[in-house]
């Protein structure tokens, strides 16, 4: 079970895969972290029990950006 800071990458994949680096609580994303999709987009911000919550920055592969609260 993940608790504290850690890194997760989709198993069995080389480069260009989904990944998360940040804080965990009881095996869930909880606290600050960054999730990256294989498509090139990423979210950097706050999680609450595995759900984006609070302030964050979402960047899509095409360069579009959303900054705000979820």
C-alpha atoms as a PDB file:
ATOM      1  CA  UNK A   1       0.000   0.000   0.000  1.00  0.00           C
ATOM      2  CA  UNK A   2       1.380   3.387  -0.995  1.00  0.00           C
ATOM      3  CA  UNK A   3       1.577   6.058   1.726  1.00  0.00           C
ATOM      4  CA  UNK A   4       3.675   9.250   1.577  1.00  0.00           C
ATOM      5  CA  UNK A   5       5.527  10.403  -1.544  1.00  0.00           C
ATOM      6  CA  UNK A   6       5.962   8.069  -4.479  1.00  0.00           C
ATOM      7  CA  UNK A   7       6.019   7.424  -8.214  1.00  0.00           C
ATOM      8  CA  UNK A   8       3.688   5.223 -10.277  1.00  0.00           C
ATOM      9  CA  UNK A   9       4.055   4.255 -13.950  1.00  0.00           C
ATOM     10  CA  UNK A  10       1.697   2.091 -15.942  1.00  0.00           C
ATOM     11  CA  UNK A  11       3.158  -1.404 -15.815  1.00  0.00           C
ATOM     12  CA  UNK A  12       4.485  -3.128 -18.896  1.00  0.00           C
ATOM     13  CA  UNK A  13       5.033   0.098 -20.809  1.00  0.00           C
ATOM     14  CA  UNK A  14       8.284   1.718 -21.898  1.00  0.00           C
ATOM     15  CA  UNK A  15       8.233   5.469 -22.600  1.00  0.00           C
ATOM     16  CA  UNK A  16       5.085   7.435 -23.426  1.00  0.00           C
ATOM     17  CA  UNK A  17       2.946   5.979 -20.677  1.00  0.00           C
ATOM     18  CA  UNK A  18       0.696   7.299 -17.935  1.00  0.00           C
ATOM     19  CA  UNK A  19       2.526   8.204 -14.738  1.00  0.00           C
ATOM     20  CA  UNK A  20       1.980   9.919 -11.406  1.00  0.00           C
ATOM     21  CA  UNK A  21       4.492  11.440  -9.031  1.00  0.00           C
ATOM     22  CA  UNK A  22       3.344  12.890  -5.744  1.00  0.00           C
ATOM     23  CA  UNK A  23       1.718  12.170  -2.432  1.00  0.00           C
ATOM     24  CA  UNK A  24      -0.345   9.119  -1.516  1.00  0.00           C
ATOM     25  CA  UNK A  25      -2.610   8.180   1.368  1.00  0.00           C
ATOM     26  CA  UNK A  26      -3.926   4.639   1.749  1.00  0.00           C
ATOM     27  CA  UNK A  27      -2.959   3.783  -1.856  1.00  0.00           C
ATOM     28  CA  UNK A  28      -4.781   6.823  -3.323  1.00  0.00           C
ATOM     29  CA  UNK A  29      -3.463  10.045  -4.833  1.00  0.00           C
ATOM     30  CA  UNK A  30      -3.881  12.478  -1.945  1.00  0.00           C
ATOM     31  CA  UNK A  31      -2.110  15.834  -1.568  1.00  0.00           C
ATOM     32  CA  UNK A  32       0.079  17.454  -4.228  1.00  0.00           C
ATOM     33  CA  UNK A  33       1.064  15.591  -7.342  1.00  0.00           C
ATOM     34  CA  UNK A  34       1.519  15.495 -11.087  1.00  0.00           C
ATOM     35  CA  UNK A  35      -0.252  13.046 -13.397  1.00  0.00           C
ATOM     36  CA  UNK A  36       1.002  12.693 -16.988  1.00  0.00           C
ATOM     37  CA  UNK A  37      -0.948  10.997 -19.776  1.00  0.00           C
ATOM     38  CA  UNK A  38       0.733   9.140 -22.622  1.00  0.00           C
ATOM     39  CA  UNK A  39      -0.945  11.581 -25.005  1.00  0.00           C
ATOM     40  CA  UNK A  40       1.256  14.420 -23.712  1.00  0.00           C
ATOM     41  CA  UNK A  41      -1.160  16.207 -21.388  1.00  0.00           C
ATOM     42  CA  UNK A  42      -0.620  16.564 -17.675  1.00  0.00           C
ATOM     43  CA  UNK A  43      -2.257  17.791 -14.487  1.00  0.00           C
ATOM     44  CA  UNK A  44      -0.282  19.330 -11.636  1.00  0.00           C
ATOM     45  CA  UNK A  45      -2.119  20.173  -8.459  1.00  0.00           C
ATOM     46  CA  UNK A  46      -4.079  18.853  -5.524  1.00  0.00           C
ATOM     47  CA  UNK A  47      -5.811  15.511  -5.062  1.00  0.00           C
ATOM     48  CA  UNK A  48      -8.241  14.456  -2.360  1.00  0.00           C
ATOM     49  CA  UNK A  49      -8.791  10.700  -2.050  1.00  0.00           C
ATOM     50  CA  UNK A  50      -7.829  10.014  -5.711  1.00  0.00           C
ATOM     51  CA  UNK A  51      -9.899  12.895  -7.155  1.00  0.00           C
ATOM     52  CA  UNK A  52      -8.633  16.262  -8.445  1.00  0.00           C
ATOM     53  CA  UNK A  53      -9.726  18.855  -5.912  1.00  0.00           C
ATOM     54  CA  UNK A  54      -8.627  22.391  -5.132  1.00  0.00           C
ATOM     55  CA  UNK A  55      -6.255  24.404  -7.299  1.00  0.00           C
ATOM     56  CA  UNK A  56      -4.499  22.782 -10.222  1.00  0.00           C
ATOM     57  CA  UNK A  57      -3.109  23.355 -13.698  1.00  0.00           C
ATOM     58  CA  UNK A  58      -4.264  21.128 -16.557  1.00  0.00           C
ATOM     59  CA  UNK A  59      -2.195  21.229 -19.745  1.00  0.00           C
ATOM     60  CA  UNK A  60      -3.374  19.390 -22.860  1.00  0.00           C
ATOM     61  CA  UNK A  61      -1.130  18.010 -25.593  1.00  0.00           C
ATOM     62  CA  UNK A  62      -2.151  20.844 -27.951  1.00  0.00           C
ATOM     63  CA  UNK A  63      -0.841  23.432 -25.458  1.00  0.00           C
ATOM     64  CA  UNK A  64      -4.226  24.528 -24.067  1.00  0.00           C
ATOM     65  CA  UNK A  65      -4.068  25.329 -20.357  1.00  0.00           C
ATOM     66  CA  UNK A  66      -6.639  25.552 -17.572  1.00  0.00           C
ATOM     67  CA  UNK A  67      -5.625  27.065 -14.228  1.00  0.00           C
ATOM     68  CA  UNK A  68      -8.166  27.034 -11.462  1.00  0.00           C
ATOM     69  CA  UNK A  69     -10.127  24.979  -8.981  1.00  0.00           C
ATOM     70  CA  UNK A  70     -11.720  21.593  -9.564  1.00  0.00           C
END
